[in-house]
Protein backbone atom coordinates (compact mmCIF):
# COMPACT_ATOMS: atom_id res chain seq x y z
CA MET A 1 -84.54 116.20 -34.49
CA MET A 2 -87.17 113.44 -34.35
CA ASP A 3 -86.47 110.11 -36.05
CA GLU A 4 -89.26 110.14 -38.61
CA TRP A 5 -89.95 109.64 -42.30
CA ARG A 6 -90.56 112.75 -44.41
CA GLU A 7 -90.44 113.75 -48.05
CA TRP A 8 -87.03 115.15 -48.89
CA ARG A 9 -88.28 118.71 -49.33
CA GLU A 10 -89.78 118.87 -45.83
CA ALA A 11 -86.82 117.11 -44.26
CA ALA A 12 -84.26 119.39 -45.92
CA GLU A 13 -86.20 122.53 -44.99
CA ALA A 14 -86.06 121.57 -41.32
CA ALA A 15 -82.43 120.43 -41.47
CA LEU A 16 -81.14 123.56 -43.18
CA TYR A 17 -83.37 126.34 -41.88
CA GLY A 18 -85.30 125.01 -38.87
CA ASP A 19 -84.32 125.37 -35.21
CA GLY A 20 -80.61 124.57 -35.00
CA GLY A 21 -80.49 124.21 -38.79
CA PHE A 22 -77.23 123.98 -40.68
CA TYR A 23 -77.45 127.44 -42.24
CA LEU A 24 -78.18 129.14 -38.94
CA ARG A 25 -74.93 127.96 -37.34
CA PRO A 26 -72.43 130.65 -36.25
CA GLU A 27 -69.63 129.53 -38.61
CA GLY A 28 -71.77 130.07 -41.70
CA PRO A 29 -71.34 128.37 -45.07
CA ALA A 30 -67.66 129.34 -45.31
CA GLY A 31 -66.98 126.97 -42.44
CA HIS A 32 -67.93 124.01 -44.63
CA PHE A 33 -67.34 124.77 -48.30
CA ARG A 34 -65.60 127.22 -50.62
CA THR A 35 -67.54 129.16 -53.24
CA SER A 36 -66.28 131.52 -55.93
CA VAL A 37 -66.65 134.34 -53.40
CA HIS A 38 -64.11 132.69 -51.12
CA ALA A 39 -61.84 131.54 -53.95
CA SER A 40 -60.75 135.02 -55.01
CA PRO A 41 -61.57 138.72 -54.53
CA LEU A 42 -61.65 138.86 -58.34
CA PHE A 43 -65.16 137.44 -58.17
CA ALA A 44 -66.43 140.37 -56.08
CA SER A 45 -64.58 142.73 -58.43
CA ALA A 46 -66.42 141.20 -61.39
CA VAL A 47 -69.78 141.63 -59.62
CA ALA A 48 -68.82 145.24 -58.81
CA ARG A 49 -68.12 145.78 -62.52
CA LEU A 50 -71.50 144.27 -63.35
CA LEU A 51 -73.18 146.61 -60.85
CA VAL A 52 -71.46 149.62 -62.47
CA ARG A 53 -72.58 148.42 -65.90
CA THR A 54 -76.14 147.90 -64.67
CA ALA A 55 -76.27 151.41 -63.21
CA ALA A 56 -75.02 152.83 -66.51
CA GLU A 57 -77.66 150.95 -68.48
CA LEU A 58 -80.31 152.24 -66.09
CA GLY A 59 -78.94 155.77 -66.52
CA THR A 60 -78.52 156.33 -62.79
CA ALA A 61 -75.83 156.89 -60.17
CA ASP A 62 -78.23 155.73 -57.45
CA VAL A 63 -78.46 151.94 -57.54
CA ASP A 64 -79.44 148.93 -55.42
CA LEU A 65 -77.36 145.81 -54.79
CA VAL A 66 -79.19 142.76 -53.42
CA ASP A 67 -77.02 139.83 -52.32
CA MET A 68 -79.24 136.76 -52.07
CA ALA A 69 -78.22 134.02 -49.60
CA ALA A 70 -75.51 136.34 -48.35
CA GLY A 71 -73.83 133.93 -45.94
CA ARG A 72 -72.02 136.21 -43.56
CA GLY A 73 -71.88 139.12 -46.00
CA GLU A 74 -68.66 138.16 -47.78
CA LEU A 75 -69.80 139.04 -51.30
CA VAL A 76 -71.60 142.30 -50.58
CA THR A 77 -68.60 143.44 -48.48
CA GLY A 78 -66.22 142.58 -51.30
CA VAL A 79 -68.32 144.36 -53.90
CA LEU A 80 -68.53 147.57 -51.87
CA ALA A 81 -64.76 147.48 -51.35
CA ALA A 82 -64.09 146.90 -55.06
CA LEU A 83 -66.40 149.58 -56.44
CA PRO A 84 -63.95 152.50 -56.49
CA ALA A 85 -61.43 150.49 -58.52
CA GLU A 86 -64.12 149.26 -60.90
CA GLY A 87 -65.42 152.69 -61.90
CA GLY A 88 -68.08 152.89 -59.22
CA ALA A 89 -66.61 155.65 -57.08
CA GLY A 90 -69.44 158.00 -58.00
CA LEU A 91 -72.26 155.56 -57.33
CA THR A 92 -74.62 155.74 -54.40
CA VAL A 93 -75.29 152.10 -53.54
CA ARG A 94 -78.05 150.82 -51.28
CA ALA A 95 -76.79 147.38 -50.29
CA TYR A 96 -78.99 144.56 -49.00
CA ALA A 97 -77.89 141.18 -47.68
CA VAL A 98 -80.71 138.63 -47.78
CA GLU A 99 -80.10 135.85 -45.27
CA LEU A 100 -82.01 133.92 -42.60
CA ALA A 101 -79.09 133.77 -40.16
CA ALA A 102 -78.44 136.63 -37.75
CA ARG A 103 -76.51 139.68 -38.89
CA PRO A 104 -72.80 139.07 -38.28
CA ASP A 105 -70.82 141.34 -35.99
CA GLY A 106 -68.70 143.96 -37.70
CA LEU A 107 -70.60 144.00 -40.99
CA ASP A 108 -70.34 147.27 -42.92
CA PRO A 109 -73.13 149.50 -41.56
CA ARG A 110 -74.10 150.44 -45.13
CA VAL A 111 -75.48 146.92 -45.59
CA GLU A 112 -79.11 146.34 -44.64
CA TRP A 113 -79.65 142.79 -43.36
CA CYS A 114 -83.02 141.27 -44.26
CA ALA A 115 -84.77 137.90 -44.45
CA GLU A 116 -86.39 138.51 -47.85
CA PRO A 117 -85.41 140.54 -50.90
CA PRO A 118 -86.80 144.07 -50.72
CA ARG A 119 -89.46 144.87 -53.30
CA GLY A 120 -89.11 147.54 -55.94
CA THR A 121 -85.33 147.75 -56.07
CA ARG A 122 -83.52 149.16 -59.12
CA GLY A 123 -80.15 147.64 -59.80
CA LEU A 124 -78.48 144.24 -59.46
CA LEU A 125 -79.84 141.21 -57.62
CA PHE A 126 -77.11 138.57 -57.37
CA ALA A 127 -77.67 135.03 -56.07
CA ASN A 128 -74.46 133.04 -55.79
CA GLU A 129 -75.12 129.39 -54.85
CA TRP A 130 -78.56 130.12 -53.42
CA LEU A 131 -80.89 128.01 -55.52
CA ASP A 132 -79.02 124.75 -54.91
CA ASN A 133 -80.02 125.08 -51.26
CA VAL A 134 -83.71 125.71 -51.91
CA PRO A 135 -85.20 122.40 -50.68
CA LEU A 136 -86.98 120.22 -53.19
CA SER A 137 -88.71 116.86 -53.42
CA VAL A 138 -86.96 113.83 -54.89
CA ALA A 139 -88.74 111.37 -57.17
CA GLU A 140 -87.81 107.81 -58.14
CA THR A 141 -89.38 105.65 -60.83
CA ASP A 142 -90.56 102.32 -59.43
CA ALA A 143 -90.52 98.91 -61.16
CA GLU A 144 -93.92 99.63 -62.77
CA GLY A 145 -92.72 102.92 -64.24
CA VAL A 146 -94.55 105.11 -61.70
CA ASP A 147 -92.74 108.21 -60.39
CA ARG A 148 -92.94 108.22 -56.59
CA TYR A 149 -91.79 110.68 -53.96
CA VAL A 150 -88.72 109.53 -52.05
CA GLU A 151 -89.10 109.66 -48.28
CA VAL A 152 -86.10 109.93 -45.99
CA ARG A 153 -85.54 109.05 -42.34
CA THR A 154 -84.22 112.15 -40.62
CA SER A 155 -81.84 110.39 -38.24
CA ASP A 156 -79.73 108.41 -40.72
CA GLY A 157 -80.72 109.28 -44.29
CA ALA A 158 -82.35 105.90 -45.03
CA GLU A 159 -84.86 106.15 -47.90
CA ARG A 160 -88.06 104.52 -49.07
CA LEU A 161 -90.58 105.16 -51.82
CA GLY A 162 -93.76 107.00 -50.93
CA ALA A 163 -96.84 108.20 -52.78
CA PRO A 164 -97.01 108.68 -56.56
CA VAL A 165 -96.02 112.11 -57.86
CA THR A 166 -99.11 113.98 -59.07
CA GLY A 167 -100.35 117.45 -59.97
CA ALA A 168 -97.93 120.30 -60.60
CA ASP A 169 -94.90 118.22 -59.59
CA ALA A 170 -95.80 115.53 -62.14
CA ALA A 171 -96.26 118.18 -64.82
CA TRP A 172 -92.84 119.65 -63.96
CA LEU A 173 -91.21 116.23 -64.33
CA ARG A 174 -92.85 115.64 -67.70
CA ARG A 175 -91.60 118.97 -69.02
CA TRP A 176 -88.19 119.28 -67.42
CA TRP A 177 -86.95 115.89 -66.19
CA PRO A 178 -88.67 112.91 -67.83
CA SER A 179 -87.95 109.52 -66.27
CA ALA A 180 -85.01 107.51 -67.57
CA GLY A 181 -86.76 104.29 -66.52
CA PRO A 182 -87.22 102.19 -63.36
CA GLY A 183 -84.70 103.06 -60.66
CA SER A 184 -83.90 106.48 -62.07
CA ARG A 185 -84.29 109.57 -59.90
CA ALA A 186 -85.12 113.22 -60.42
CA GLU A 187 -85.09 116.31 -58.25
CA ILE A 188 -88.31 118.26 -58.71
CA GLY A 189 -87.11 121.83 -59.22
CA ARG A 190 -90.49 123.56 -59.04
CA PRO A 191 -89.76 125.26 -55.66
CA ARG A 192 -86.61 126.72 -57.15
CA ASP A 193 -88.48 127.98 -60.20
CA ASP A 194 -90.94 129.71 -57.88
CA ALA A 195 -88.17 131.13 -55.68
CA TRP A 196 -86.31 132.53 -58.67
CA ALA A 197 -89.43 133.99 -60.25
CA ASP A 198 -90.19 135.74 -56.96
CA ALA A 199 -86.64 137.10 -56.70
CA VAL A 200 -86.76 138.44 -60.27
CA SER A 201 -90.13 140.06 -59.59
CA SER A 202 -88.68 141.95 -56.62
CA LEU A 203 -86.76 144.17 -59.05
CA SER A 204 -88.55 147.09 -60.62
CA ALA A 205 -85.68 147.46 -63.10
CA GLY A 206 -82.19 146.09 -63.52
CA LEU A 207 -80.58 142.69 -63.69
CA ALA A 208 -81.09 139.48 -61.69
CA VAL A 209 -78.32 136.87 -61.81
CA ALA A 210 -78.29 133.34 -60.37
CA VAL A 211 -74.99 131.45 -60.28
CA ASP A 212 -75.02 127.74 -59.48
CA TYR A 213 -74.20 124.15 -60.26
CA THR A 214 -76.50 123.29 -63.14
CA HIS A 215 -77.68 120.83 -65.76
CA VAL A 216 -80.14 121.17 -68.63
CA ARG A 217 -82.90 119.05 -70.13
CA GLY A 218 -81.49 116.22 -72.19
CA GLN A 219 -78.41 116.06 -69.96
CA ARG A 220 -79.97 115.43 -66.55
CA PRO A 221 -78.07 112.91 -64.42
CA PRO A 222 -80.19 109.71 -64.28
CA TYR A 223 -79.77 109.27 -60.53
CA GLY A 224 -79.87 112.91 -59.43
CA THR A 225 -77.26 115.02 -57.66
CA LEU A 226 -78.45 115.26 -54.05
CA THR A 227 -75.49 115.17 -51.68
CA GLY A 228 -74.14 116.61 -48.44
CA PHE A 229 -71.11 118.68 -47.43
CA ARG A 230 -69.47 119.06 -44.06
CA ALA A 231 -66.15 120.71 -43.15
CA GLY A 232 -65.05 120.87 -46.77
CA ARG A 233 -65.82 117.25 -47.64
CA GLU A 234 -68.64 115.63 -49.56
CA VAL A 235 -70.67 113.38 -47.27
CA ARG A 236 -73.82 111.30 -47.44
CA ALA A 237 -76.96 113.42 -47.45
CA VAL A 238 -78.56 113.03 -44.01
CA PRO A 239 -81.20 115.62 -43.02
CA ASP A 240 -80.25 115.83 -39.35
CA GLY A 241 -78.84 119.37 -39.42
CA SER A 242 -75.22 118.23 -39.36
CA CYS A 243 -74.38 118.94 -43.00
CA ASP A 244 -75.24 121.01 -46.02
CA LEU A 245 -77.82 119.46 -48.36
CA THR A 246 -77.46 120.47 -51.97
CA ALA A 247 -78.53 119.43 -55.45
CA HIS A 248 -77.66 120.89 -58.85
CA VAL A 249 -80.13 123.40 -60.29
CA ALA A 250 -82.19 123.01 -63.48
CA LEU A 251 -81.42 126.60 -64.46
CA ASP A 252 -83.18 126.16 -67.80
CA ALA A 253 -86.42 125.59 -65.90
CA CYS A 254 -85.71 128.61 -63.70
CA ALA A 255 -85.08 130.67 -66.82
CA ALA A 256 -88.52 129.81 -68.16
CA ALA A 257 -90.15 130.58 -64.82
CA GLY A 258 -88.45 133.95 -64.45
CA GLY A 259 -90.01 135.39 -67.58
CA PRO A 260 -88.56 136.78 -70.85
CA ASP A 261 -85.17 138.35 -71.45
CA ALA A 262 -83.21 135.47 -69.91
CA GLU A 263 -79.69 134.34 -70.82
CA LEU A 264 -77.97 131.17 -69.62
CA ARG A 265 -74.21 130.83 -70.02
CA THR A 266 -71.22 129.41 -68.15
CA GLN A 267 -69.31 131.26 -65.47
CA ARG A 268 -66.28 131.08 -67.73
CA GLU A 269 -68.18 132.99 -70.44
CA ALA A 270 -69.76 135.45 -68.01
CA LEU A 271 -66.50 136.34 -66.26
CA ALA A 272 -64.70 136.70 -69.59
CA SER A 273 -67.29 139.34 -70.55
CA LEU A 274 -66.38 141.12 -67.31
CA GLY A 275 -62.66 141.07 -67.99
CA ILE A 276 -61.71 138.04 -65.88
CA SER A 277 -59.58 135.39 -67.58
CA GLY A 278 -56.79 133.05 -66.57
CA GLY A 279 -54.24 134.34 -69.08
CA ARG A 280 -50.67 134.64 -67.81
CA PRO A 281 -49.02 138.07 -67.80
CA PRO A 282 -46.31 138.68 -70.43
CA LEU A 283 -42.84 137.52 -69.39
CA THR A 284 -41.44 140.90 -70.35
CA LEU A 285 -43.21 142.32 -67.30
CA ALA A 286 -41.04 140.16 -65.07
CA SER A 287 -37.93 142.08 -66.11
CA THR A 288 -39.46 145.56 -66.29
CA ASP A 289 -41.58 145.37 -63.10
CA PRO A 290 -41.01 142.17 -61.09
CA ALA A 291 -43.45 143.09 -58.32
CA ALA A 292 -46.23 143.81 -60.81
CA TYR A 293 -45.47 140.52 -62.56
CA VAL A 294 -45.85 138.57 -59.32
CA ARG A 295 -49.16 140.33 -58.59
CA ALA A 296 -50.43 139.68 -62.11
CA LEU A 297 -49.34 136.04 -61.95
CA SER A 298 -51.22 135.57 -58.67
CA ALA A 299 -54.35 137.18 -60.13
CA ALA A 300 -54.09 134.96 -63.21
CA GLY A 301 -53.99 131.88 -60.98
CA GLU A 302 -57.09 133.00 -59.12
CA ALA A 303 -58.87 133.80 -62.37
CA ALA A 304 -57.94 130.39 -63.73
CA GLU A 305 -59.65 128.73 -60.76
CA LEU A 306 -62.79 130.82 -61.23
CA THR A 307 -62.99 129.94 -64.92
CA ALA A 308 -61.66 126.36 -64.91
CA ARG A 309 -63.34 123.72 -67.07
CA GLY A 310 -64.63 120.90 -64.90
CA GLY A 311 -64.75 123.28 -61.94
CA LEU A 312 -66.10 126.72 -61.10
CA GLY A 313 -65.96 127.79 -64.73
CA ASP A 314 -68.71 125.31 -65.60
CA PHE A 315 -71.19 126.88 -63.18
CA GLY A 316 -74.26 128.33 -64.85
CA TRP A 317 -74.98 132.06 -64.88
CA LEU A 318 -78.67 132.78 -65.41
CA SER A 319 -79.33 136.46 -66.14
CA HIS A 320 -82.75 138.10 -66.31
CA VAL A 321 -83.11 141.66 -67.52
CA VAL A 322 -85.97 143.52 -65.85
CA GLY A 323 -87.27 146.68 -67.45
CA PRO A 324 -84.63 148.68 -69.34
CA SER A 325 -81.75 146.68 -70.76
CA ALA A 326 -79.17 146.10 -68.03
CA ASP A 327 -76.60 143.73 -69.54
């Protein structure tokens, strides 16, 4: 990758999705960080339950499942496996995995691998930790109070201030992330708003859900959240293709962009509505059925991780109903 200065959005696009980009590597995201999908099969079971509920609300046994930013197909595979146990044995599911990387070997042949979400689907579109990897520009307020784009050197992550932020990006900052004063930074989420609005519009009816790290207006971090991850560790953000580049998502802005019928809640709240909680099994079960108690205790531990305050439980779940009520 050439040693040159670029705005963060352009640099991150090349580093993540260009030739030799981080997300096109054979090991996939699971080789570098652990999401809810990897934390427990209970997460896929909850999504399977949501798919069954969506099909019921649509009044159909023929339903689509679209897994956005599918990685190597872990979530869609888990959902298909969980469906019989979650009341979906009678469903006919057309499953799509949306991902720029090549289709992995051994993936369930029922899953169609595609680079963009198919249009006109009816069912559930689920985007787990997708939007935080949609590249965006970074702004910093200079000593005179002017918001300027931050430019980054691709080889080592060094930064400098560039041109003033104008036009649609400036309008986005005014509405969603006003400056906290000289030296403060903001991540301009407009590309994510557009990406989410497009994903929602791909459904003809059903439910679109985005799950991600999030913050809301009035509680934005004054210096932003841009960071890197490599081999399970947080590292300095350097757009050279060697690490993940991620920033928290202004899901409230995405909600407004996606249209009406939006709901924003925590993962803890969303999973509770799907029957996932970290409650321990009753001790009486240990004496009546020790094996079942051990299984239930293990599941409770996994559920506790998925719903933990200060951890995965604080993730935002943005839900958009499209057409008939689906949630």
